[in-house]
Amino acid sequence: MALLRIRNLSVEFATATGQFRAVDGVDQDVNESEILAIVGESGSGKSVSMLAVMGLLPWTATVTADEMTFDGQDLLKIDPAARRKIIGKDMAMIFQEPMSSLNPCFTVGWQIREALRKHLKMGRQERQTRAIELFEQVGIPDPEKRLSAFPHQMSGGMNQRVMIAMAIACKPKLLIADEPTTALDVTIQAQILDLLAKLRDENGMGLVLITHDMGVVAETAERVSVQYAGQKIEEQPVMPLFRTPHHPYTSALLDALPERATEKRLPTIPGVVPGQFDRPAGCLFSPRCKFATDKCRTDPPPPLGPDLGYARCFYPLNVDERVAS
C-alpha cells in the first residue's frame, strides 16, 4: 500500500470574480523510501496540491478528492486534533519561503525545540542536544550560538537550513520539500540533497521534491510527475522521462535545459500558463503547443496508459510502434 495515495484531487479558490481551479483532478502515489519529483512552471499547482494534503490552505480554498490517505489514515475524514498529531511529526514540509514561514517573534532554537517538545515529548536538555545535532546536519556553523538568533538576524540561506532542520527534526515518514535548495549555494545544495537521501535510506522516509531544477531531478528523483495549469500531464521514472518524454510540454521543458542546447539561444516555450479567465476548452497546453490541432483546442484529452507515461495528449511523442499497436 502506498504511503500517500491521492485520487482526483481538486482545489478551488474563491475570488472576487468567481471560483479559480488551481488543482484539477490530480492523482498521485508516494511509496515508502521513494523520491518523487513534481516539476512544472510557476502556477502549475505543485505547491497547492501538497498544501492541500497537509491541510494548510486558507479558508478560501475548497478541497475535494475521491481519496486522500496517508499511512492508512483517511485525510478527508480525519478531525483537526488528529491531523495536528500527524503534521510536523509523521508528515512534514520544507516551505519555499523561510522568512514568511518562521515566526519572527521567537528564536529559531525555540521553534525547533517546541516541535520536539510537542511531538516527541523530549526533556529540556534532550531537546537542546537534538537541536544542536540538527543544525550541524544542515551545515549551520556555530550551532549553539545560532539557536539563540531570531530569523531576521540570519540570512535567507541560513533560514532555509533552519526550515530543513525543523522539517526533519521528528524523522517524518513523508517529507514534502518545496524548492528546498533555492536560496543555497551549489555546495550546500549538494549537502542538503545528500542529507535528505541519507534520511530516506535510514528511516524509509518518502520524499516529495517540488522543484524547477531538472538537474536536481535527474540526480535525486526516482519518479517524476509533470504538472501544468493544475493538471498532472505526465509521469514516468526519471530516466525514461528524460530519454523519451511523451507530452509536448515535458519535451519543451527538457529542450530548454542548457546542456541540451544545440544553438546559442536557448529554446523557450511561448506564452504563459493559463489563468482564471483564459483556460482553453480543450487541452490546456494547446495555445502554446506547436503540434496542436483543432481537436486539441476543443476536446480535453484523457490520460493515456502507463506505457505512455499517463500523458494527457491526443498525439504523444516518442511512441514506440509496439505501444501504438
C-alpha atoms as a PDB file:
ATOM      1  CA  MET A   1       0.000   0.000   0.000  1.00  0.00           C
ATOM      2  CA  ALA A   2       1.254   3.486  -0.904  1.00  0.00           C
ATOM      3  CA  LEU A   3       2.347   5.744   1.955  1.00  0.00           C
ATOM      4  CA  LEU A   4       0.408   8.619   0.365  1.00  0.00           C
ATOM      5  CA  ARG A   5      -2.456   7.963  -2.054  1.00  0.00           C
ATOM      6  CA  ILE A   6      -4.412  10.741  -3.798  1.00  0.00           C
ATOM      7  CA  ARG A   7      -7.216  10.307  -6.292  1.00  0.00           C
ATOM      8  CA  ASN A   8      -8.952  13.091  -8.262  1.00  0.00           C
ATOM      9  CA  LEU A   9      -7.716  15.948  -6.073  1.00  0.00           C
ATOM     10  CA  SER A  10      -9.088  19.365  -6.972  1.00  0.00           C
ATOM     11  CA  VAL A  11      -8.585  22.708  -5.240  1.00  0.00           C
ATOM     12  CA  GLU A  12     -10.656  25.799  -5.983  1.00  0.00           C
ATOM     13  CA  PHE A  13     -10.146  29.274  -4.543  1.00  0.00           C
ATOM     14  CA  ALA A  14     -12.958  31.775  -4.048  1.00  0.00           C
ATOM     15  CA  THR A  15     -12.089  35.111  -5.683  1.00  0.00           C
ATOM     16  CA  ALA A  16     -13.940  38.378  -6.167  1.00  0.00           C
ATOM     17  CA  THR A  17     -14.794  37.302  -9.712  1.00  0.00           C
ATOM     18  CA  GLY A  18     -15.704  33.666  -9.057  1.00  0.00           C
ATOM     19  CA  GLN A  19     -14.004  30.323  -8.465  1.00  0.00           C
ATOM     20  CA  PHE A  20     -10.475  29.610  -9.706  1.00  0.00           C
ATOM     21  CA  ARG A  21      -9.399  25.978 -10.031  1.00  0.00           C
ATOM     22  CA  ALA A  22      -5.712  25.769  -9.076  1.00  0.00           C
ATOM     23  CA  VAL A  23      -5.538  21.940  -8.983  1.00  0.00           C
ATOM     24  CA  ASP A  24      -7.631  19.896 -11.392  1.00  0.00           C
ATOM     25  CA  GLY A  25      -8.182  16.159 -10.919  1.00  0.00           C
ATOM     26  CA  VAL A  26      -4.677  15.122  -9.807  1.00  0.00           C
ATOM     27  CA  ASP A  27      -3.857  11.502  -8.946  1.00  0.00           C
ATOM     28  CA  GLN A  28      -0.664  10.791  -7.047  1.00  0.00           C
ATOM     29  CA  ASP A  29       1.001   7.972  -5.117  1.00  0.00           C
ATOM     30  CA  VAL A  30       4.126   8.152  -2.969  1.00  0.00           C
ATOM     31  CA  ASN A  31       5.624   4.934  -1.652  1.00  0.00           C
ATOM     32  CA  GLU A  32       7.837   4.366   1.362  1.00  0.00           C
ATOM     33  CA  SER A  33      11.521   5.121   0.654  1.00  0.00           C
ATOM     34  CA  GLU A  34      10.624   6.703  -2.698  1.00  0.00           C
ATOM     35  CA  ILE A  35      11.745  10.074  -4.031  1.00  0.00           C
ATOM     36  CA  LEU A  36       9.064  11.628  -6.240  1.00  0.00           C
ATOM     37  CA  ALA A  37       9.800  14.897  -8.043  1.00  0.00           C
ATOM     38  CA  ILE A  38       6.973  17.225  -9.071  1.00  0.00           C
ATOM     39  CA  VAL A  39       8.008  19.688 -11.769  1.00  0.00           C
ATOM     40  CA  GLY A  40       6.352  22.427 -13.789  1.00  0.00           C
ATOM     41  CA  GLU A  41       6.243  26.180 -14.228  1.00  0.00           C
ATOM     42  CA  SER A  42       5.075  28.547 -11.508  1.00  0.00           C
ATOM     43  CA  GLY A  43       1.285  28.436 -11.345  1.00  0.00           C
ATOM     44  CA  SER A  44       1.004  24.749 -12.215  1.00  0.00           C
ATOM     45  CA  GLY A  45      -0.413  23.770  -8.818  1.00  0.00           C
ATOM     46  CA  LYS A  46       2.598  21.890  -7.458  1.00  0.00           C
ATOM     47  CA  SER A  47       2.741  23.554  -4.042  1.00  0.00           C
ATOM     48  CA  VAL A  48      -1.037  23.957  -3.725  1.00  0.00           C
ATOM     49  CA  SER A  49      -1.660  20.239  -4.203  1.00  0.00           C
ATOM     50  CA  MET A  50       0.789  19.345  -1.417  1.00  0.00           C
ATOM     51  CA  LEU A  51      -0.507  22.101   0.899  1.00  0.00           C
ATOM     52  CA  ALA A  52      -3.971  20.603   0.406  1.00  0.00           C
ATOM     53  CA  VAL A  53      -2.606  17.244   1.590  1.00  0.00           C
ATOM     54  CA  MET A  54      -1.089  18.962   4.634  1.00  0.00           C
ATOM     55  CA  GLY A  55      -4.354  20.798   5.384  1.00  0.00           C
ATOM     56  CA  LEU A  56      -2.590  24.165   5.293  1.00  0.00           C
ATOM     57  CA  LEU A  57      -4.631  26.048   2.696  1.00  0.00           C
ATOM     58  CA  PRO A  58      -6.611  29.171   3.702  1.00  0.00           C
ATOM     59  CA  TRP A  59     -10.374  29.213   4.256  1.00  0.00           C
ATOM     60  CA  THR A  60     -10.918  30.499   0.707  1.00  0.00           C
ATOM     61  CA  ALA A  61      -9.836  27.097  -0.665  1.00  0.00           C
ATOM     62  CA  THR A  62     -12.254  24.249  -1.337  1.00  0.00           C
ATOM     63  CA  VAL A  63     -10.526  20.856  -1.433  1.00  0.00           C
ATOM     64  CA  THR A  64     -12.264  17.835  -2.954  1.00  0.00           C
ATOM     65  CA  ALA A  65     -10.933  14.358  -3.684  1.00  0.00           C
ATOM     66  CA  ASP A  66     -12.236  10.847  -4.219  1.00  0.00           C
ATOM     67  CA  GLU A  67      -9.468   9.521  -1.952  1.00  0.00           C
ATOM     68  CA  MET A  68      -6.683  11.023   0.140  1.00  0.00           C
ATOM     69  CA  THR A  69      -4.948   8.671   2.565  1.00  0.00           C
ATOM     70  CA  PHE A  70      -1.648   8.822   4.425  1.00  0.00           C
ATOM     71  CA  ASP A  71      -0.171   5.783   6.165  1.00  0.00           C
ATOM     72  CA  GLY A  72      -3.613   4.164   6.184  1.00  0.00           C
ATOM     73  CA  GLN A  73      -5.429   7.217   7.606  1.00  0.00           C
ATOM     74  CA  ASP A  74      -8.188   8.999   5.682  1.00  0.00           C
ATOM     75  CA  LEU A  75      -7.163  12.658   5.465  1.00  0.00           C
ATOM     76  CA  LEU A  76     -10.604  13.634   4.149  1.00  0.00           C
ATOM     77  CA  LYS A  77     -12.379  12.459   7.316  1.00  0.00           C
ATOM     78  CA  ILE A  78      -9.748  12.995   9.988  1.00  0.00           C
ATOM     79  CA  ASP A  79     -10.596  15.533  12.715  1.00  0.00           C
ATOM     80  CA  PRO A  80      -8.358  18.605  13.307  1.00  0.00           C
ATOM     81  CA  ALA A  81      -6.877  17.288  16.565  1.00  0.00           C
ATOM     82  CA  ALA A  82      -5.786  14.016  14.948  1.00  0.00           C
ATOM     83  CA  ARG A  83      -4.371  15.905  11.945  1.00  0.00           C
ATOM     84  CA  ARG A  84      -2.251  18.109  14.236  1.00  0.00           C
ATOM     85  CA  LYS A  85      -0.629  14.979  15.660  1.00  0.00           C
ATOM     86  CA  ILE A  86       0.424  13.922  12.156  1.00  0.00           C
ATOM     87  CA  ILE A  87       1.513  17.236  10.621  1.00  0.00           C
ATOM     88  CA  GLY A  88       5.018  18.149  11.727  1.00  0.00           C
ATOM     89  CA  LYS A  89       5.751  14.660  13.006  1.00  0.00           C
ATOM     90  CA  ASP A  90       4.866  11.903  10.526  1.00  0.00           C
ATOM     91  CA  MET A  91       4.297  14.303   7.617  1.00  0.00           C
ATOM     92  CA  ALA A  92       6.470  17.413   7.381  1.00  0.00           C
ATOM     93  CA  MET A  93       7.113  20.113   4.807  1.00  0.00           C
ATOM     94  CA  ILE A  94      10.033  22.356   3.918  1.00  0.00           C
ATOM     95  CA  PHE A  95       8.344  25.569   2.823  1.00  0.00           C
ATOM     96  CA  GLN A  96       9.516  27.643  -0.107  1.00  0.00           C
ATOM     97  CA  GLU A  97       9.690  30.996   1.715  1.00  0.00           C
ATOM     98  CA  PRO A  98      11.509  30.611   5.048  1.00  0.00           C
ATOM     99  CA  MET A  99      11.154  34.282   6.040  1.00  0.00           C
ATOM    100  CA  SER A 100       7.361  34.049   5.878  1.00  0.00           C
ATOM    101  CA  SER A 101       7.236  30.560   7.442  1.00  0.00           C
ATOM    102  CA  LEU A 102       9.369  31.129  10.540  1.00  0.00           C
ATOM    103  CA  ASN A 103       7.824  33.066  13.423  1.00  0.00           C
ATOM    104  CA  PRO A 104       9.725  36.396  13.766  1.00  0.00           C
ATOM    105  CA  CYS A 105       8.828  36.671  17.483  1.00  0.00           C
ATOM    106  CA  PHE A 106      10.726  33.562  18.604  1.00  0.00           C
ATOM    107  CA  THR A 107      14.304  32.399  18.229  1.00  0.00           C
ATOM    108  CA  VAL A 108      14.961  29.668  15.697  1.00  0.00           C
ATOM    109  CA  GLY A 109      16.130  27.421  18.509  1.00  0.00           C
ATOM    110  CA  TRP A 110      12.872  27.827  20.413  1.00  0.00           C
ATOM    111  CA  GLN A 111      10.872  26.959  17.294  1.00  0.00           C
ATOM    112  CA  ILE A 112      12.808  23.722  16.736  1.00  0.00           C
ATOM    113  CA  ARG A 113      12.702  22.758  20.416  1.00  0.00           C
ATOM    114  CA  GLU A 114       8.955  23.409  20.542  1.00  0.00           C
ATOM    115  CA  ALA A 115       8.357  20.910  17.732  1.00  0.00           C
ATOM    116  CA  LEU A 116      10.430  18.340  19.620  1.00  0.00           C
ATOM    117  CA  ARG A 117       8.545  19.024  22.867  1.00  0.00           C
ATOM    118  CA  LYS A 118       5.121  18.854  21.231  1.00  0.00           C
ATOM    119  CA  HIS A 119       5.590  15.768  19.085  1.00  0.00           C
ATOM    120  CA  LEU A 120       8.303  13.717  20.816  1.00  0.00           C
ATOM    121  CA  LYS A 121       7.811  14.822  24.461  1.00  0.00           C
ATOM    122  CA  MET A 122      11.548  15.352  24.890  1.00  0.00           C
ATOM    123  CA  GLY A 123      13.022  16.898  28.034  1.00  0.00           C
ATOM    124  CA  ARG A 124      14.790  20.281  28.061  1.00  0.00           C
ATOM    125  CA  GLN A 125      18.374  19.014  27.745  1.00  0.00           C
ATOM    126  CA  GLU A 126      17.377  16.341  25.228  1.00  0.00           C
ATOM    127  CA  ARG A 127      15.697  18.987  23.058  1.00  0.00           C
ATOM    128  CA  GLN A 128      18.783  21.206  23.201  1.00  0.00           C
ATOM    129  CA  THR A 129      21.100  18.350  22.230  1.00  0.00           C
ATOM    130  CA  ARG A 130      18.854  17.312  19.343  1.00  0.00           C
ATOM    131  CA  ALA A 131      18.573  20.924  18.089  1.00  0.00           C
ATOM    132  CA  ILE A 132      22.369  21.288  18.009  1.00  0.00           C
ATOM    133  CA  GLU A 133      22.645  17.968  16.172  1.00  0.00           C
ATOM    134  CA  LEU A 134      20.085  19.097  13.568  1.00  0.00           C
ATOM    135  CA  PHE A 135      21.872  22.399  12.948  1.00  0.00           C
ATOM    136  CA  GLU A 136      25.128  20.514  12.432  1.00  0.00           C
ATOM    137  CA  GLN A 137      23.408  18.167   9.985  1.00  0.00           C
ATOM    138  CA  VAL A 138      22.189  21.025   7.769  1.00  0.00           C
ATOM    139  CA  GLY A 139      25.532  22.837   7.838  1.00  0.00           C
ATOM    140  CA  ILE A 140      24.822  25.750  10.187  1.00  0.00           C
ATOM    141  CA  PRO A 141      28.126  26.884  11.751  1.00  0.00           C
ATOM    142  CA  ASP A 142      28.415  27.556  15.498  1.00  0.00           C
ATOM    143  CA  PRO A 143      25.038  25.869  16.163  1.00  0.00           C
ATOM    144  CA  GLU A 144      24.805  26.633  19.897  1.00  0.00           C
ATOM    145  CA  LYS A 145      25.086  30.369  19.233  1.00  0.00           C
ATOM    146  CA  ARG A 146      22.759  30.281  16.212  1.00  0.00           C
ATOM    147  CA  LEU A 147      19.981  28.640  18.240  1.00  0.00           C
ATOM    148  CA  SER A 148      19.507  31.923  20.111  1.00  0.00           C
ATOM    149  CA  ALA A 149      19.170  34.002  16.927  1.00  0.00           C
ATOM    150  CA  PHE A 150      15.900  35.374  15.566  1.00  0.00           C
ATOM    151  CA  PRO A 151      15.003  34.756  11.896  1.00  0.00           C
ATOM    152  CA  HIS A 152      15.699  38.395  10.919  1.00  0.00           C
ATOM    153  CA  GLN A 153      19.243  38.057  12.262  1.00  0.00           C
ATOM    154  CA  MET A 154      20.054  35.275   9.792  1.00  0.00           C
ATOM    155  CA  SER A 155      20.442  35.246   6.019  1.00  0.00           C
ATOM    156  CA  GLY A 156      17.880  33.733   3.687  1.00  0.00           C
ATOM    157  CA  GLY A 157      20.110  30.733   3.105  1.00  0.00           C
ATOM    158  CA  MET A 158      20.569  30.171   6.845  1.00  0.00           C
ATOM    159  CA  ASN A 159      16.814  30.414   7.430  1.00  0.00           C
ATOM    160  CA  GLN A 160      16.298  27.864   4.667  1.00  0.00           C
ATOM    161  CA  ARG A 161      18.592  25.487   6.538  1.00  0.00           C
ATOM    162  CA  VAL A 162      16.641  26.148   9.752  1.00  0.00           C
ATOM    163  CA  MET A 163      13.422  25.197   7.912  1.00  0.00           C
ATOM    164  CA  ILE A 164      15.030  21.966   6.725  1.00  0.00           C
ATOM    165  CA  ALA A 165      16.239  21.180  10.263  1.00  0.00           C
ATOM    166  CA  MET A 166      12.705  21.742  11.627  1.00  0.00           C
ATOM    167  CA  ALA A 167      11.163  19.529   8.956  1.00  0.00           C
ATOM    168  CA  ILE A 168      13.458  16.568   9.622  1.00  0.00           C
ATOM    169  CA  ALA A 169      13.546  17.011  13.422  1.00  0.00           C
ATOM    170  CA  CYS A 170      10.976  14.281  14.154  1.00  0.00           C
ATOM    171  CA  LYS A 171      12.199  11.912  11.412  1.00  0.00           C
ATOM    172  CA  PRO A 172       8.952  12.043   9.394  1.00  0.00           C
ATOM    173  CA  LYS A 173       7.565   9.179   7.337  1.00  0.00           C
ATOM    174  CA  LEU A 174       6.844  11.612   4.486  1.00  0.00           C
ATOM    175  CA  LEU A 175       8.767  14.811   3.773  1.00  0.00           C
ATOM    176  CA  ILE A 176       7.479  17.336   1.249  1.00  0.00           C
ATOM    177  CA  ALA A 177      10.312  19.605   0.124  1.00  0.00           C
ATOM    178  CA  ASP A 178       9.126  22.712  -1.747  1.00  0.00           C
ATOM    179  CA  GLU A 179      12.175  24.123  -3.544  1.00  0.00           C
ATOM    180  CA  PRO A 180      14.382  23.158  -0.574  1.00  0.00           C
ATOM    181  CA  THR A 181      17.671  24.358  -2.076  1.00  0.00           C
ATOM    182  CA  THR A 182      16.572  27.585  -3.818  1.00  0.00           C
ATOM    183  CA  ALA A 183      18.409  30.034  -1.532  1.00  0.00           C
ATOM    184  CA  LEU A 184      21.515  27.888  -1.073  1.00  0.00           C
ATOM    185  CA  ASP A 185      24.821  27.859  -2.911  1.00  0.00           C
ATOM    186  CA  VAL A 186      25.747  24.846  -5.027  1.00  0.00           C
ATOM    187  CA  THR A 187      27.947  23.203  -2.376  1.00  0.00           C
ATOM    188  CA  ILE A 188      25.280  23.415   0.324  1.00  0.00           C
ATOM    189  CA  GLN A 189      22.622  22.268  -2.186  1.00  0.00           C
ATOM    190  CA  ALA A 190      24.549  19.050  -2.700  1.00  0.00           C
ATOM    191  CA  GLN A 191      24.989  18.565   1.060  1.00  0.00           C
ATOM    192  CA  ILE A 192      21.262  19.059   1.729  1.00  0.00           C
ATOM    193  CA  LEU A 193      20.205  16.696  -1.057  1.00  0.00           C
ATOM    194  CA  ASP A 194      22.672  14.097   0.211  1.00  0.00           C
ATOM    195  CA  LEU A 195      21.242  14.545   3.731  1.00  0.00           C
ATOM    196  CA  LEU A 196      17.664  14.040   2.518  1.00  0.00           C
ATOM    197  CA  ALA A 197      18.699  10.938   0.558  1.00  0.00           C
ATOM    198  CA  LYS A 198      20.521   9.613   3.635  1.00  0.00           C
ATOM    199  CA  LEU A 199      17.422  10.133   5.796  1.00  0.00           C
ATOM    200  CA  ARG A 200      15.394   8.277   3.190  1.00  0.00           C
ATOM    201  CA  ASP A 201      17.822   5.355   3.344  1.00  0.00           C
ATOM    202  CA  GLU A 202      17.972   5.288   7.163  1.00  0.00           C
ATOM    203  CA  ASN A 203      14.307   5.833   8.005  1.00  0.00           C
ATOM    204  CA  GLY A 204      12.435   4.603   4.923  1.00  0.00           C
ATOM    205  CA  MET A 205      11.097   8.136   4.500  1.00  0.00           C
ATOM    206  CA  GLY A 206       9.079   9.013   1.428  1.00  0.00           C
ATOM    207  CA  LEU A 207      10.241  12.278  -0.178  1.00  0.00           C
ATOM    208  CA  VAL A 208       8.246  14.586  -2.452  1.00  0.00           C
ATOM    209  CA  LEU A 209      10.593  17.058  -4.131  1.00  0.00           C
ATOM    210  CA  ILE A 210       8.918  20.108  -5.683  1.00  0.00           C
ATOM    211  CA  THR A 211      11.442  21.839  -7.902  1.00  0.00           C
ATOM    212  CA  HIS A 212      12.183  23.745 -11.107  1.00  0.00           C
ATOM    213  CA  ASP A 213      15.720  22.383 -11.262  1.00  0.00           C
ATOM    214  CA  MET A 214      15.777  19.486 -13.701  1.00  0.00           C
ATOM    215  CA  GLY A 215      19.395  18.804 -12.765  1.00  0.00           C
ATOM    216  CA  VAL A 216      18.297  18.117  -9.183  1.00  0.00           C
ATOM    217  CA  VAL A 217      15.546  15.876 -10.558  1.00  0.00           C
ATOM    218  CA  ALA A 218      17.984  13.880 -12.680  1.00  0.00           C
ATOM    219  CA  GLU A 219      20.418  13.398  -9.787  1.00  0.00           C
ATOM    220  CA  THR A 220      17.953  12.765  -6.964  1.00  0.00           C
ATOM    221  CA  ALA A 221      14.489  11.579  -8.029  1.00  0.00           C
ATOM    222  CA  GLU A 222      13.296   8.103  -8.944  1.00  0.00           C
ATOM    223  CA  ARG A 223       9.950   9.100 -10.470  1.00  0.00           C
ATOM    224  CA  VAL A 224       8.835  12.402 -11.993  1.00  0.00           C
ATOM    225  CA  SER A 225       5.350  13.908 -12.145  1.00  0.00           C
ATOM    226  CA  VAL A 226       4.919  16.838 -14.528  1.00  0.00           C
ATOM    227  CA  GLN A 227       2.140  19.345 -13.767  1.00  0.00           C
ATOM    228  CA  TYR A 228       0.723  22.062 -15.986  1.00  0.00           C
ATOM    229  CA  ALA A 229      -2.075  24.517 -15.179  1.00  0.00           C
ATOM    230  CA  GLY A 230      -3.239  22.383 -12.260  1.00  0.00           C
ATOM    231  CA  GLN A 231      -3.256  19.041 -14.091  1.00  0.00           C
ATOM    232  CA  LYS A 232      -0.800  16.163 -13.998  1.00  0.00           C
ATOM    233  CA  ILE A 233       0.111  15.751 -17.651  1.00  0.00           C
ATOM    234  CA  GLU A 234       2.817  13.073 -17.494  1.00  0.00           C
ATOM    235  CA  GLU A 235       4.508  10.719 -15.044  1.00  0.00           C
ATOM    236  CA  GLN A 236       7.443   8.392 -15.644  1.00  0.00           C
ATOM    237  CA  PRO A 237      10.536   7.031 -13.909  1.00  0.00           C
ATOM    238  CA  VAL A 238      13.266   9.639 -14.146  1.00  0.00           C
ATOM    239  CA  MET A 239      15.493   8.110 -16.827  1.00  0.00           C
ATOM    240  CA  PRO A 240      12.678   7.168 -19.258  1.00  0.00           C
ATOM    241  CA  LEU A 241      11.208  10.666 -18.847  1.00  0.00           C
ATOM    242  CA  PHE A 242      14.492  12.352 -19.764  1.00  0.00           C
ATOM    243  CA  ARG A 243      15.090   9.913 -22.615  1.00  0.00           C
ATOM    244  CA  THR A 244      11.584   9.648 -24.134  1.00  0.00           C
ATOM    245  CA  PRO A 245       9.127  12.307 -22.921  1.00  0.00           C
ATOM    246  CA  HIS A 246       5.638  11.753 -24.319  1.00  0.00           C
ATOM    247  CA  HIS A 247       3.888  15.065 -23.656  1.00  0.00           C
ATOM    248  CA  PRO A 248       4.961  18.069 -25.775  1.00  0.00           C
ATOM    249  CA  TYR A 249       5.204  20.226 -22.642  1.00  0.00           C
ATOM    250  CA  THR A 250       7.627  17.808 -20.976  1.00  0.00           C
ATOM    251  CA  SER A 251       9.682  17.690 -24.156  1.00  0.00           C
ATOM    252  CA  ALA A 252       9.761  21.506 -24.320  1.00  0.00           C
ATOM    253  CA  LEU A 253      10.920  21.732 -20.689  1.00  0.00           C
ATOM    254  CA  LEU A 254      13.778  19.342 -21.365  1.00  0.00           C
ATOM    255  CA  ASP A 255      14.740  21.101 -24.607  1.00  0.00           C
ATOM    256  CA  ALA A 256      15.217  24.320 -22.619  1.00  0.00           C
ATOM    257  CA  LEU A 257      17.987  22.770 -20.497  1.00  0.00           C
ATOM    258  CA  PRO A 258      21.331  24.470 -21.261  1.00  0.00           C
ATOM    259  CA  GLU A 259      23.159  21.150 -21.582  1.00  0.00           C
ATOM    260  CA  ARG A 260      20.763  20.101 -24.361  1.00  0.00           C
ATOM    261  CA  ALA A 261      21.002  23.323 -26.335  1.00  0.00           C
ATOM    262  CA  THR A 262      22.392  22.949 -29.840  1.00  0.00           C
ATOM    263  CA  GLU A 263      22.217  26.686 -30.698  1.00  0.00           C
ATOM    264  CA  LYS A 264      23.447  29.836 -28.979  1.00  0.00           C
ATOM    265  CA  ARG A 265      19.926  30.858 -27.908  1.00  0.00           C
ATOM    266  CA  LEU A 266      18.070  28.537 -25.554  1.00  0.00           C
ATOM    267  CA  PRO A 267      14.676  27.313 -26.808  1.00  0.00           C
ATOM    268  CA  THR A 268      11.702  28.826 -24.978  1.00  0.00           C
ATOM    269  CA  ILE A 269       8.015  27.927 -24.607  1.00  0.00           C
ATOM    270  CA  PRO A 270       5.903  30.781 -25.996  1.00  0.00           C
ATOM    271  CA  GLY A 271       3.006  32.177 -23.975  1.00  0.00           C
ATOM    272  CA  VAL A 272       2.133  31.703 -20.309  1.00  0.00           C
ATOM    273  CA  VAL A 273       0.309  29.196 -18.123  1.00  0.00           C
ATOM    274  CA  PRO A 274      -3.456  29.891 -18.466  1.00  0.00           C
ATOM    275  CA  GLY A 275      -5.140  31.636 -15.545  1.00  0.00           C
ATOM    276  CA  GLN A 276      -8.699  32.036 -14.361  1.00  0.00           C
ATOM    277  CA  PHE A 277     -10.108  33.715 -17.462  1.00  0.00           C
ATOM    278  CA  ASP A 278      -8.119  32.238 -20.351  1.00  0.00           C
ATOM    279  CA  ARG A 279      -8.337  28.481 -19.754  1.00  0.00           C
ATOM    280  CA  PRO A 280      -8.802  26.694 -23.105  1.00  0.00           C
ATOM    281  CA  ALA A 281     -11.808  24.452 -23.698  1.00  0.00           C
ATOM    282  CA  GLY A 282      -9.605  21.561 -24.829  1.00  0.00           C
ATOM    283  CA  CYS A 283      -6.015  20.707 -23.942  1.00  0.00           C
ATOM    284  CA  LEU A 284      -4.697  23.322 -21.518  1.00  0.00           C
ATOM    285  CA  PHE A 285      -1.336  23.377 -23.299  1.00  0.00           C
ATOM    286  CA  SER A 286      -2.841  23.770 -26.794  1.00  0.00           C
ATOM    287  CA  PRO A 287      -2.303  27.584 -27.101  1.00  0.00           C
ATOM    288  CA  ARG A 288       1.444  27.057 -26.610  1.00  0.00           C
ATOM    289  CA  CYS A 289       1.873  23.707 -28.387  1.00  0.00           C
ATOM    290  CA  LYS A 290       3.356  23.597 -31.889  1.00  0.00           C
ATOM    291  CA  PHE A 291       1.644  20.240 -32.511  1.00  0.00           C
ATOM    292  CA  ALA A 292      -1.890  21.357 -31.540  1.00  0.00           C
ATOM    293  CA  THR A 293      -4.818  20.672 -33.913  1.00  0.00           C
ATOM    294  CA  ASP A 294      -8.449  21.775 -33.851  1.00  0.00           C
ATOM    295  CA  LYS A 295      -9.281  18.658 -31.836  1.00  0.00           C
ATOM    296  CA  CYS A 296      -6.720  19.684 -29.197  1.00  0.00           C
ATOM    297  CA  ARG A 297      -8.315  23.125 -28.917  1.00  0.00           C
ATOM    298  CA  THR A 298     -11.854  21.849 -28.411  1.00  0.00           C
ATOM    299  CA  ASP A 299     -11.630  18.471 -26.620  1.00  0.00           C
ATOM    300  CA  PRO A 300      -9.810  17.844 -23.327  1.00  0.00           C
ATOM    301  CA  PRO A 301      -7.538  14.803 -23.750  1.00  0.00           C
ATOM    302  CA  PRO A 302      -7.837  11.980 -21.187  1.00  0.00           C
ATOM    303  CA  PRO A 303      -4.713  10.485 -19.590  1.00  0.00           C
ATOM    304  CA  LEU A 304      -3.112   7.696 -21.611  1.00  0.00           C
ATOM    305  CA  GLY A 305      -1.863   4.409 -20.174  1.00  0.00           C
ATOM    306  CA  PRO A 306       1.345   3.747 -18.213  1.00  0.00           C
ATOM    307  CA  ASP A 307       3.242   2.762 -21.373  1.00  0.00           C
ATOM    308  CA  LEU A 308       2.859   6.385 -22.492  1.00  0.00           C
ATOM    309  CA  GLY A 309       3.536   7.966 -19.129  1.00  0.00           C
ATOM    310  CA  TYR A 310      -0.137   8.775 -18.439  1.00  0.00           C
ATOM    311  CA  ALA A 311       0.346  11.698 -20.823  1.00  0.00           C
ATOM    312  CA  ARG A 312      -2.710  13.928 -21.372  1.00  0.00           C
ATOM    313  CA  CYS A 313      -2.244  14.247 -25.112  1.00  0.00           C
ATOM    314  CA  PHE A 314      -4.011  13.122 -28.296  1.00  0.00           C
ATOM    315  CA  TYR A 315      -0.708  12.933 -30.170  1.00  0.00           C
ATOM    316  CA  PRO A 316       2.008  11.725 -27.743  1.00  0.00           C
ATOM    317  CA  LEU A 317       5.649  11.991 -28.745  1.00  0.00           C
ATOM    318  CA  ASN A 318       8.237   9.206 -28.978  1.00  0.00           C
ATOM    319  CA  VAL A 319       5.628   6.482 -29.396  1.00  0.00           C
ATOM    320  CA  ASP A 320       7.110   3.030 -29.893  1.00  0.00           C
ATOM    321  CA  GLU A 321       5.342   1.187 -32.708  1.00  0.00           C
ATOM    322  CA  ARG A 322       4.635  -1.753 -30.393  1.00  0.00           C
ATOM    323  CA  VAL A 323       2.910   0.587 -27.908  1.00  0.00           C
ATOM    324  CA  ALA A 324       0.922   2.298 -30.634  1.00  0.00           C
ATOM    325  CA  SER A 325      -0.357  -1.011 -31.935  1.00  0.00           C
END
